[in-house]
Structure formats: structure tokens, C-alpha cells
C-alpha atoms as a PDB file:
ATOM      1  CA  UNK A   1      62.946  48.107  12.295  1.00  0.00           C
ATOM      2  CA  UNK A   2      62.418  47.102  16.083  1.00  0.00           C
ATOM      3  CA  UNK A   3      61.787  42.875  16.148  1.00  0.00           C
ATOM      4  CA  UNK A   4      62.117  41.908  19.828  1.00  0.00           C
ATOM      5  CA  UNK A   5      60.549  39.210  21.634  1.00  0.00           C
ATOM      6  CA  UNK A   6      58.962  39.729  25.169  1.00  0.00           C
ATOM      7  CA  UNK A   7      55.789  38.271  26.621  1.00  0.00           C
ATOM      8  CA  UNK A   8      54.680  42.061  26.969  1.00  0.00           C
ATOM      9  CA  UNK A   9      55.712  43.094  23.437  1.00  0.00           C
ATOM     10  CA  UNK A  10      53.239  45.713  22.011  1.00  0.00           C
ATOM     11  CA  UNK A  11      54.570  45.786  18.121  1.00  0.00           C
ATOM     12  CA  UNK A  12      55.161  49.220  16.779  1.00  0.00           C
ATOM     13  CA  UNK A  13      52.167  50.678  14.860  1.00  0.00           C
ATOM     14  CA  UNK A  14      51.243  53.995  13.508  1.00  0.00           C
ATOM     15  CA  UNK A  15      49.515  54.783  16.696  1.00  0.00           C
ATOM     16  CA  UNK A  16      52.761  54.208  18.748  1.00  0.00           C
ATOM     17  CA  UNK A  17      56.364  55.842  18.459  1.00  0.00           C
ATOM     18  CA  UNK A  18      58.736  53.482  19.984  1.00  0.00           C
ATOM     19  CA  UNK A  19      57.784  49.610  21.241  1.00  0.00           C
ATOM     20  CA  UNK A  20      55.874  48.771  24.046  1.00  0.00           C
ATOM     21  CA  UNK A  21      56.967  46.147  27.130  1.00  0.00           C
ATOM     22  CA  UNK A  22      54.323  46.808  30.020  1.00  0.00           C
ATOM     23  CA  UNK A  23      57.357  45.714  32.360  1.00  0.00           C
ATOM     24  CA  UNK A  24      55.927  43.198  34.765  1.00  0.00           C
ATOM     25  CA  UNK A  25      56.365  39.814  35.804  1.00  0.00           C
ATOM     26  CA  UNK A  26      54.610  36.885  34.164  1.00  0.00           C
ATOM     27  CA  UNK A  27      54.776  34.549  37.196  1.00  0.00           C
ATOM     28  CA  UNK A  28      53.633  35.166  40.688  1.00  0.00           C
ATOM     29  CA  UNK A  29      57.361  35.618  42.519  1.00  0.00           C
ATOM     30  CA  UNK A  30      59.804  36.396  39.497  1.00  0.00           C
ATOM     31  CA  UNK A  31      61.708  39.692  40.096  1.00  0.00           C
ATOM     32  CA  UNK A  32      60.311  43.146  39.322  1.00  0.00           C
ATOM     33  CA  UNK A  33      62.794  46.355  39.160  1.00  0.00           C
ATOM     34  CA  UNK A  34      62.046  50.499  38.515  1.00  0.00           C
ATOM     35  CA  UNK A  35      64.442  52.747  37.620  1.00  0.00           C
ATOM     36  CA  UNK A  36      63.700  55.904  40.036  1.00  0.00           C
ATOM     37  CA  UNK A  37      64.066  59.403  38.941  1.00  0.00           C
ATOM     38  CA  UNK A  38      64.393  61.813  42.037  1.00  0.00           C
ATOM     39  CA  UNK A  39      64.198  64.882  40.092  1.00  0.00           C
ATOM     40  CA  UNK A  40      60.890  63.695  39.111  1.00  0.00           C
ATOM     41  CA  UNK A  41      60.432  62.094  42.058  1.00  0.00           C
ATOM     42  CA  UNK A  42      58.600  58.690  40.503  1.00  0.00           C
ATOM     43  CA  UNK A  43      59.515  55.961  38.465  1.00  0.00           C
ATOM     44  CA  UNK A  44      60.519  55.918  34.946  1.00  0.00           C
ATOM     45  CA  UNK A  45      60.472  52.403  33.804  1.00  0.00           C
ATOM     46  CA  UNK A  46      59.927  48.840  35.149  1.00  0.00           C
ATOM     47  CA  UNK A  47      61.611  45.672  34.049  1.00  0.00           C
ATOM     48  CA  UNK A  48      62.175  42.035  35.152  1.00  0.00           C
ATOM     49  CA  UNK A  49      65.454  41.615  34.727  1.00  0.00           C
ATOM     50  CA  UNK A  50      68.148  43.050  37.051  1.00  0.00           C
ATOM     51  CA  UNK A  51      71.058  43.086  34.254  1.00  0.00           C
ATOM     52  CA  UNK A  52      68.570  45.211  31.710  1.00  0.00           C
ATOM     53  CA  UNK A  53      67.737  47.326  34.829  1.00  0.00           C
ATOM     54  CA  UNK A  54      71.623  48.234  35.507  1.00  0.00           C
ATOM     55  CA  UNK A  55      72.660  48.689  31.874  1.00  0.00           C
ATOM     56  CA  UNK A  56      69.396  51.455  30.992  1.00  0.00           C
ATOM     57  CA  UNK A  57      70.789  53.155  34.296  1.00  0.00           C
ATOM     58  CA  UNK A  58      74.291  53.315  32.619  1.00  0.00           C
ATOM     59  CA  UNK A  59      73.204  54.442  29.353  1.00  0.00           C
ATOM     60  CA  UNK A  60      70.360  56.872  30.612  1.00  0.00           C
ATOM     61  CA  UNK A  61      73.521  58.597  32.634  1.00  0.00           C
ATOM     62  CA  UNK A  62      74.326  61.139  30.603  1.00  0.00           C
ATOM     63  CA  UNK A  63      70.882  62.554  30.525  1.00  0.00           C
ATOM     64  CA  UNK A  64      70.076  62.110  34.738  1.00  0.00           C
ATOM     65  CA  UNK A  65      70.585  59.835  37.135  1.00  0.00           C
ATOM     66  CA  UNK A  66      68.445  56.530  37.954  1.00  0.00           C
ATOM     67  CA  UNK A  67      68.424  54.164  40.843  1.00  0.00           C
ATOM     68  CA  UNK A  68      67.392  50.732  40.301  1.00  0.00           C
ATOM     69  CA  UNK A  69      64.445  50.151  43.129  1.00  0.00           C
ATOM     70  CA  UNK A  70      63.372  46.553  43.883  1.00  0.00           C
ATOM     71  CA  UNK A  71      59.621  46.707  44.174  1.00  0.00           C
ATOM     72  CA  UNK A  72      59.118  43.411  45.244  1.00  0.00           C
ATOM     73  CA  UNK A  73      60.174  43.898  48.982  1.00  0.00           C
ATOM     74  CA  UNK A  74      57.298  46.879  49.525  1.00  0.00           C
ATOM     75  CA  UNK A  75      54.726  45.513  51.845  1.00  0.00           C
ATOM     76  CA  UNK A  76      52.079  46.531  49.222  1.00  0.00           C
ATOM     77  CA  UNK A  77      53.416  44.468  46.467  1.00  0.00           C
ATOM     78  CA  UNK A  78      51.506  43.395  43.942  1.00  0.00           C
ATOM     79  CA  UNK A  79      52.759  42.346  40.253  1.00  0.00           C
ATOM     80  CA  UNK A  80      50.350  44.428  38.126  1.00  0.00           C
ATOM     81  CA  UNK A  81      50.493  47.296  41.040  1.00  0.00           C
ATOM     82  CA  UNK A  82      52.861  49.272  38.329  1.00  0.00           C
ATOM     83  CA  UNK A  83      53.714  48.749  35.206  1.00  0.00           C
ATOM     84  CA  UNK A  84      54.697  50.829  32.632  1.00  0.00           C
ATOM     85  CA  UNK A  85      51.538  52.279  31.566  1.00  0.00           C
ATOM     86  CA  UNK A  86      51.628  54.185  35.573  1.00  0.00           C
ATOM     87  CA  UNK A  87      54.822  53.634  36.629  1.00  0.00           C
ATOM     88  CA  UNK A  88      55.049  57.450  36.486  1.00  0.00           C
ATOM     89  CA  UNK A  89      52.387  58.170  38.946  1.00  0.00           C
ATOM     90  CA  UNK A  90      54.490  55.790  41.521  1.00  0.00           C
ATOM     91  CA  UNK A  91      57.150  56.424  44.049  1.00  0.00           C
ATOM     92  CA  UNK A  92      58.346  54.625  47.079  1.00  0.00           C
ATOM     93  CA  UNK A  93      58.490  55.312  50.454  1.00  0.00           C
ATOM     94  CA  UNK A  94      61.921  55.246  51.507  1.00  0.00           C
ATOM     95  CA  UNK A  95      63.486  57.589  49.273  1.00  0.00           C
ATOM     96  CA  UNK A  96      66.072  58.238  52.247  1.00  0.00           C
ATOM     97  CA  UNK A  97      67.598  55.487  51.065  1.00  0.00           C
ATOM     98  CA  UNK A  98      68.605  56.842  48.203  1.00  0.00           C
ATOM     99  CA  UNK A  99      72.211  58.395  48.174  1.00  0.00           C
ATOM    100  CA  UNK A 100      71.463  60.726  45.676  1.00  0.00           C
ATOM    101  CA  UNK A 101      75.345  61.480  44.943  1.00  0.00           C
ATOM    102  CA  UNK A 102      76.128  57.536  44.404  1.00  0.00           C
ATOM    103  CA  UNK A 103      74.250  57.346  40.940  1.00  0.00           C
ATOM    104  CA  UNK A 104      76.941  55.191  39.546  1.00  0.00           C
ATOM    105  CA  UNK A 105      77.161  52.579  42.362  1.00  0.00           C
ATOM    106  CA  UNK A 106      75.441  49.506  41.335  1.00  0.00           C
ATOM    107  CA  UNK A 107      73.327  48.789  44.450  1.00  0.00           C
ATOM    108  CA  UNK A 108      69.693  47.695  44.662  1.00  0.00           C
ATOM    109  CA  UNK A 109      67.133  49.305  46.637  1.00  0.00           C
ATOM    110  CA  UNK A 110      64.509  47.847  48.511  1.00  0.00           C
ATOM    111  CA  UNK A 111      61.430  49.694  48.665  1.00  0.00           C
ATOM    112  CA  UNK A 112      59.642  49.644  52.242  1.00  0.00           C
ATOM    113  CA  UNK A 113      56.123  50.787  50.253  1.00  0.00           C
ATOM    114  CA  UNK A 114      54.787  51.925  47.118  1.00  0.00           C
ATOM    115  CA  UNK A 115      52.927  55.146  47.348  1.00  0.00           C
ATOM    116  CA  UNK A 116      51.094  57.061  44.571  1.00  0.00           C
ATOM    117  CA  UNK A 117      52.160  60.587  42.855  1.00  0.00           C
ATOM    118  CA  UNK A 118      51.438  63.227  40.636  1.00  0.00           C
ATOM    119  CA  UNK A 119      53.990  63.829  37.897  1.00  0.00           C
ATOM    120  CA  UNK A 120      53.398  67.329  36.379  1.00  0.00           C
ATOM    121  CA  UNK A 121      56.889  67.358  34.131  1.00  0.00           C
ATOM    122  CA  UNK A 122      55.276  67.857  30.649  1.00  0.00           C
ATOM    123  CA  UNK A 123      58.215  65.733  29.389  1.00  0.00           C
ATOM    124  CA  UNK A 124      57.693  62.490  31.149  1.00  0.00           C
ATOM    125  CA  UNK A 125      56.061  60.658  28.365  1.00  0.00           C
ATOM    126  CA  UNK A 126      58.920  61.128  25.542  1.00  0.00           C
ATOM    127  CA  UNK A 127      61.647  60.425  28.531  1.00  0.00           C
ATOM    128  CA  UNK A 128      59.737  57.064  29.353  1.00  0.00           C
ATOM    129  CA  UNK A 129      59.835  56.440  25.338  1.00  0.00           C
ATOM    130  CA  UNK A 130      63.012  57.263  25.132  1.00  0.00           C
ATOM    131  CA  UNK A 131      63.994  54.744  27.907  1.00  0.00           C
ATOM    132  CA  UNK A 132      61.650  52.411  26.319  1.00  0.00           C
ATOM    133  CA  UNK A 133      63.857  52.848  23.115  1.00  0.00           C
ATOM    134  CA  UNK A 134      66.777  51.798  24.992  1.00  0.00           C
ATOM    135  CA  UNK A 135      65.703  48.965  26.515  1.00  0.00           C
ATOM    136  CA  UNK A 136      64.254  47.759  23.421  1.00  0.00           C
ATOM    137  CA  UNK A 137      67.508  47.848  21.984  1.00  0.00           C
ATOM    138  CA  UNK A 138      69.369  46.296  24.898  1.00  0.00           C
ATOM    139  CA  UNK A 139      67.307  43.294  24.205  1.00  0.00           C
ATOM    140  CA  UNK A 140      67.826  43.581  20.463  1.00  0.00           C
ATOM    141  CA  UNK A 141      71.217  43.758  20.965  1.00  0.00           C
ATOM    142  CA  UNK A 142      71.274  40.243  23.393  1.00  0.00           C
ATOM    143  CA  UNK A 143      69.398  38.430  19.993  1.00  0.00           C
ATOM    144  CA  UNK A 144      72.505  39.943  17.935  1.00  0.00           C
ATOM    145  CA  UNK A 145      74.851  38.192  19.893  1.00  0.00           C
ATOM    146  CA  UNK A 146      73.043  35.108  20.368  1.00  0.00           C
ATOM    147  CA  UNK A 147      72.892  35.359  16.512  1.00  0.00           C
ATOM    148  CA  UNK A 148      76.030  36.323  15.877  1.00  0.00           C
ATOM    149  CA  UNK A 149      77.656  33.131  18.175  1.00  0.00           C
ATOM    150  CA  UNK A 150      79.554  35.730  20.472  1.00  0.00           C
ATOM    151  CA  UNK A 151      80.196  32.649  23.251  1.00  0.00           C
ATOM    152  CA  UNK A 152      82.265  30.986  20.708  1.00  0.00           C
ATOM    153  CA  UNK A 153      83.981  34.173  19.790  1.00  0.00           C
ATOM    154  CA  UNK A 154      84.402  34.772  23.288  1.00  0.00           C
ATOM    155  CA  UNK A 155      85.796  31.272  23.954  1.00  0.00           C
ATOM    156  CA  UNK A 156      88.247  31.240  21.068  1.00  0.00           C
ATOM    157  CA  UNK A 157      89.668  34.680  22.284  1.00  0.00           C
ATOM    158  CA  UNK A 158      89.745  33.515  25.846  1.00  0.00           C
ATOM    159  CA  UNK A 159      90.389  29.650  26.374  1.00  0.00           C
ATOM    160  CA  UNK A 160      92.262  28.991  22.970  1.00  0.00           C
ATOM    161  CA  UNK A 161      93.622  32.338  22.721  1.00  0.00           C
ATOM    162  CA  UNK A 162      94.276  31.924  19.061  1.00  0.00           C
ATOM    163  CA  UNK A 163      94.596  34.662  16.809  1.00  0.00           C
ATOM    164  CA  UNK A 164      91.589  34.756  14.631  1.00  0.00           C
ATOM    165  CA  UNK A 165      90.452  37.605  12.643  1.00  0.00           C
ATOM    166  CA  UNK A 166      86.626  37.214  11.444  1.00  0.00           C
ATOM    167  CA  UNK A 167      85.857  40.424   9.193  1.00  0.00           C
ATOM    168  CA  UNK A 168      82.116  40.365   9.625  1.00  0.00           C
ATOM    169  CA  UNK A 169      81.790  39.893  13.450  1.00  0.00           C
ATOM    170  CA  UNK A 170      84.146  42.921  13.736  1.00  0.00           C
ATOM    171  CA  UNK A 171      81.665  44.747  11.844  1.00  0.00           C
ATOM    172  CA  UNK A 172      79.122  43.809  14.010  1.00  0.00           C
ATOM    173  CA  UNK A 173      80.534  44.679  16.987  1.00  0.00           C
ATOM    174  CA  UNK A 174      81.229  47.930  15.795  1.00  0.00           C
ATOM    175  CA  UNK A 175      77.600  48.290  14.663  1.00  0.00           C
ATOM    176  CA  UNK A 176      76.791  47.627  18.021  1.00  0.00           C
ATOM    177  CA  UNK A 177      78.881  49.539  19.769  1.00  0.00           C
ATOM    178  CA  UNK A 178      77.394  52.655  17.502  1.00  0.00           C
ATOM    179  CA  UNK A 179      73.698  51.592  18.781  1.00  0.00           C
ATOM    180  CA  UNK A 180      74.902  51.990  22.104  1.00  0.00           C
ATOM    181  CA  UNK A 181      76.411  54.813  21.512  1.00  0.00           C
ATOM    182  CA  UNK A 182      73.804  56.234  19.845  1.00  0.00           C
ATOM    183  CA  UNK A 183      71.504  55.356  23.260  1.00  0.00           C
ATOM    184  CA  UNK A 184      74.276  57.098  25.115  1.00  0.00           C
ATOM    185  CA  UNK A 185      74.748  60.807  23.724  1.00  0.00           C
ATOM    186  CA  UNK A 186      71.290  61.014  22.004  1.00  0.00           C
ATOM    187  CA  UNK A 187      69.209  64.404  23.018  1.00  0.00           C
ATOM    188  CA  UNK A 188      66.475  63.678  20.115  1.00  0.00           C
ATOM    189  CA  UNK A 189      64.419  60.614  19.926  1.00  0.00           C
ATOM    190  CA  UNK A 190      63.201  60.847  16.862  1.00  0.00           C
ATOM    191  CA  UNK A 191      66.699  61.391  15.670  1.00  0.00           C
ATOM    192  CA  UNK A 192      68.124  58.271  17.330  1.00  0.00           C
ATOM    193  CA  UNK A 193      65.325  56.281  16.114  1.00  0.00           C
ATOM    194  CA  UNK A 194      66.383  56.907  12.706  1.00  0.00           C
ATOM    195  CA  UNK A 195      69.705  56.359  13.379  1.00  0.00           C
ATOM    196  CA  UNK A 196      69.012  53.141  15.521  1.00  0.00           C
ATOM    197  CA  UNK A 197      67.202  52.272  12.280  1.00  0.00           C
ATOM    198  CA  UNK A 198      69.662  52.924   9.564  1.00  0.00           C
ATOM    199  CA  UNK A 199      72.296  50.678  11.828  1.00  0.00           C
ATOM    200  CA  UNK A 200      70.124  48.020  12.183  1.00  0.00           C
ATOM    201  CA  UNK A 201      69.730  47.984   8.508  1.00  0.00           C
ATOM    202  CA  UNK A 202      73.689  47.061   8.002  1.00  0.00           C
ATOM    203  CA  UNK A 203      73.590  44.793  11.205  1.00  0.00           C
ATOM    204  CA  UNK A 204      70.713  42.633   9.680  1.00  0.00           C
ATOM    205  CA  UNK A 205      72.668  42.420   6.532  1.00  0.00           C
ATOM    206  CA  UNK A 206      75.157  40.921   7.874  1.00  0.00           C
ATOM    207  CA  UNK A 207      72.898  38.721  10.054  1.00  0.00           C
ATOM    208  CA  UNK A 208      72.137  36.807   6.855  1.00  0.00           C
ATOM    209  CA  UNK A 209      72.959  33.385   6.691  1.00  0.00           C
ATOM    210  CA  UNK A 210      75.442  33.532   3.894  1.00  0.00           C
END
């Protein structure tokens, strides 16, 4: 079961296979990034958090290269111009600024202008669903870290240097790693969702108050 908290979150229902986030900022001036895929020459996802964009880029790197683009620098940018309903119909004007052979370099590309395009790839929607799944899992794992008091465990490990073994926390970390591994290696969306559902079920049992 996917449970996420986002101002643009649309709950999973019988009409949608994955949770959906529109991916545009609430407030004027907030950050807004797109993940650009050069083979399809379009944006595949838009997000409002730079760290989320970088994590999605890395987790999707087994499938294709993505480049993080700052949408707000474009001369024709407005917050609701590009979102996750229509992002595949948009590209950036300054594609020459993208180093295709440098996909793993953590750079942010400043867009000069946003241009409408026509994407004809038949699998574009399934890939967008995959990226939505990755993004929502990232948000879910952040929630798990809060519920599992990760900051306290990190503080004990790094500051006190105490050898305290917490078997529940170790299991939680292992399940979190399994989700990340599944996102990185999976090539089938339906199987991926089923696998994550099973891992989440185990995670939620560990996170229940004792």
C-alpha cells in the first residue's frame, strides 16, 4: 500500500496504477526541476525538490540517462506551464549545454527557454509511471526514516561511537535497501509494484508502536 503526504498527491484508486503527483510548486518562486531524457528529447518528470531529482536520476540510471533541469531559469517559465500531466510534451532550447557523456555528474542545467515538442514513443506513459513510482518510494522512505528515528541512530553511531545493536532498526534498514534495489534493477512496472507492496507490508509491521 502506497501512503504518501503531498499537497498534489492523488490517492491510488482503481483508475490509476501508481500514485500521482503533479510536480509543480505551490508558491511563486519555489524550486521547480525537470528530469530530461535526451533519447526521447523531453521531460519525463517534474519535481520541486533538488535532492529528490538527484535520487530519481540515480535510481533510474540502469534504464536510461536523465539530466536535472532547472525550469525556473527559462525566460517563458510560469509555475503551471509544465507539470507531470504534460511534461513529455516539453523540452528545453539549450540542449547543447547537456553533456550526454556526463550523466553521472551531479550538475543542474539552467534552462533558457521551454519549447513544446511532440513525443511519439509508445512507452512514454509507462516510463512516466515508473518514475512516479520511484519518486513516491523516495518520499515513503523519508517518512520511514522519520518514524524509525534514523537521526537518533545516526547520532549514536557518529557522535557517541557506541556499539548499540538494534535488531528492529537493522531490519528496517534492510527492507529500505530492498526497496531501493528493486527500483534500480526492475524492468517490469507491475512486478516492481508487487515487490514493493510486499516489502512495505513487512516494513509497516516493524514500524508499529510496541
